[in-house]
Amino acid sequence: MTDIQARLAEINRRTAEAQASRDRQFYALVGYHMLVIIGALFVFVSIPSCNEGLRLQYLANQENVSHG
């Protein structure tokens, strides 16, 4: 292998490593965004059901107080 071929092979290897690093960083960022989106959806779905549970508990407590 000539000197030029060896240098090209080294450049190609470093380029492939850099591309792989960028790919890992991109997919990690996408994964983190997906976790945040799923967490936000979970919170927005859970809050109304929690409020409903608290309302029912409040009504049950009112019944207990009014009935002695």
C-alpha atoms as a PDB file:
ATOM      1  CA  MET A   1       0.000   0.000   0.000  1.00  0.00           C
ATOM      2  CA  THR A   2       1.378   3.360  -0.955  1.00  0.00           C
ATOM      3  CA  ASP A   3       1.723   6.302   1.370  1.00  0.00           C
ATOM      4  CA  ILE A   4      -1.246   8.091  -0.200  1.00  0.00           C
ATOM      5  CA  GLN A   5      -3.446   5.017   0.175  1.00  0.00           C
ATOM      6  CA  ALA A   6      -2.436   4.684   3.829  1.00  0.00           C
ATOM      7  CA  ARG A   7      -3.274   8.334   4.477  1.00  0.00           C
ATOM      8  CA  LEU A   8      -6.627   7.989   2.703  1.00  0.00           C
ATOM      9  CA  ALA A   9      -7.417   4.879   4.736  1.00  0.00           C
ATOM     10  CA  GLU A  10      -6.616   6.773   7.962  1.00  0.00           C
ATOM     11  CA  ILE A  11      -8.765   9.739   6.889  1.00  0.00           C
ATOM     12  CA  ASN A  12     -11.639   7.396   6.022  1.00  0.00           C
ATOM     13  CA  ARG A  13     -11.319   5.629   9.364  1.00  0.00           C
ATOM     14  CA  ARG A  14     -11.397   8.911  11.309  1.00  0.00           C
ATOM     15  CA  THR A  15     -14.325  10.138   9.223  1.00  0.00           C
ATOM     16  CA  ALA A  16     -16.274   6.951   9.944  1.00  0.00           C
ATOM     17  CA  GLU A  17     -15.561   7.250  13.681  1.00  0.00           C
ATOM     18  CA  ALA A  18     -16.709  10.884  13.711  1.00  0.00           C
ATOM     19  CA  GLN A  19     -19.885   9.979  11.815  1.00  0.00           C
ATOM     20  CA  ALA A  20     -20.615   7.136  14.242  1.00  0.00           C
ATOM     21  CA  SER A  21     -20.134   9.529  17.164  1.00  0.00           C
ATOM     22  CA  ARG A  22     -22.549  12.050  15.624  1.00  0.00           C
ATOM     23  CA  ASP A  23     -25.063   9.269  14.996  1.00  0.00           C
ATOM     24  CA  ARG A  24     -24.894   8.112  18.629  1.00  0.00           C
ATOM     25  CA  GLN A  25     -25.319  11.678  19.835  1.00  0.00           C
ATOM     26  CA  PHE A  26     -28.307  12.221  17.528  1.00  0.00           C
ATOM     27  CA  TYR A  27     -30.098   9.036  18.598  1.00  0.00           C
ATOM     28  CA  ALA A  28     -29.422   9.771  22.276  1.00  0.00           C
ATOM     29  CA  LEU A  29     -30.955  13.220  21.810  1.00  0.00           C
ATOM     30  CA  VAL A  30     -33.987  11.723  20.043  1.00  0.00           C
ATOM     31  CA  GLY A  31     -34.348   9.194  22.864  1.00  0.00           C
ATOM     32  CA  TYR A  32     -34.234  11.897  25.531  1.00  0.00           C
ATOM     33  CA  HIS A  33     -36.864  13.917  23.674  1.00  0.00           C
ATOM     34  CA  MET A  34     -39.112  10.870  23.450  1.00  0.00           C
ATOM     35  CA  LEU A  35     -38.783  10.300  27.211  1.00  0.00           C
ATOM     36  CA  VAL A  36     -39.717  13.918  27.912  1.00  0.00           C
ATOM     37  CA  ILE A  37     -42.707  13.741  25.547  1.00  0.00           C
ATOM     38  CA  ILE A  38     -43.957  10.498  27.089  1.00  0.00           C
ATOM     39  CA  GLY A  39     -43.481  11.925  30.587  1.00  0.00           C
ATOM     40  CA  ALA A  40     -45.415  15.069  29.677  1.00  0.00           C
ATOM     41  CA  LEU A  41     -48.241  13.002  28.206  1.00  0.00           C
ATOM     42  CA  PHE A  42     -48.338  10.883  31.351  1.00  0.00           C
ATOM     43  CA  VAL A  43     -48.599  13.989  33.524  1.00  0.00           C
ATOM     44  CA  PHE A  44     -51.321  15.579  31.395  1.00  0.00           C
ATOM     45  CA  VAL A  45     -53.349  12.367  31.462  1.00  0.00           C
ATOM     46  CA  SER A  46     -52.802  11.735  35.184  1.00  0.00           C
ATOM     47  CA  ILE A  47     -53.675  15.191  36.518  1.00  0.00           C
ATOM     48  CA  PRO A  48     -57.379  15.131  35.505  1.00  0.00           C
ATOM     49  CA  SER A  49     -57.850  11.656  36.956  1.00  0.00           C
ATOM     50  CA  CYS A  50     -56.119  12.758  40.181  1.00  0.00           C
ATOM     51  CA  ASN A  51     -58.386  15.784  40.370  1.00  0.00           C
ATOM     52  CA  GLU A  52     -61.421  13.544  39.907  1.00  0.00           C
ATOM     53  CA  GLY A  53     -60.214  11.259  42.695  1.00  0.00           C
ATOM     54  CA  LEU A  54     -59.674  14.219  45.011  1.00  0.00           C
ATOM     55  CA  ARG A  55     -63.132  15.562  44.176  1.00  0.00           C
ATOM     56  CA  LEU A  56     -64.746  12.204  44.982  1.00  0.00           C
ATOM     57  CA  GLN A  57     -62.777  11.996  48.217  1.00  0.00           C
ATOM     58  CA  TYR A  58     -63.908  15.512  49.143  1.00  0.00           C
ATOM     59  CA  LEU A  59     -67.551  14.573  48.452  1.00  0.00           C
ATOM     60  CA  ALA A  60     -67.217  11.409  50.543  1.00  0.00           C
ATOM     61  CA  ASN A  61     -65.753  13.437  53.411  1.00  0.00           C
ATOM     62  CA  GLN A  62     -68.627  15.897  53.181  1.00  0.00           C
ATOM     63  CA  GLU A  63     -71.114  13.038  53.441  1.00  0.00           C
ATOM     64  CA  ASN A  64     -69.309  11.682  56.502  1.00  0.00           C
ATOM     65  CA  VAL A  65     -69.344  15.078  58.178  1.00  0.00           C
ATOM     66  CA  SER A  66     -73.002  15.789  57.423  1.00  0.00           C
ATOM     67  CA  HIS A  67     -74.135  12.347  58.659  1.00  0.00           C
ATOM     68  CA  GLY A  68     -72.235  12.702  61.870  1.00  0.00           C
END
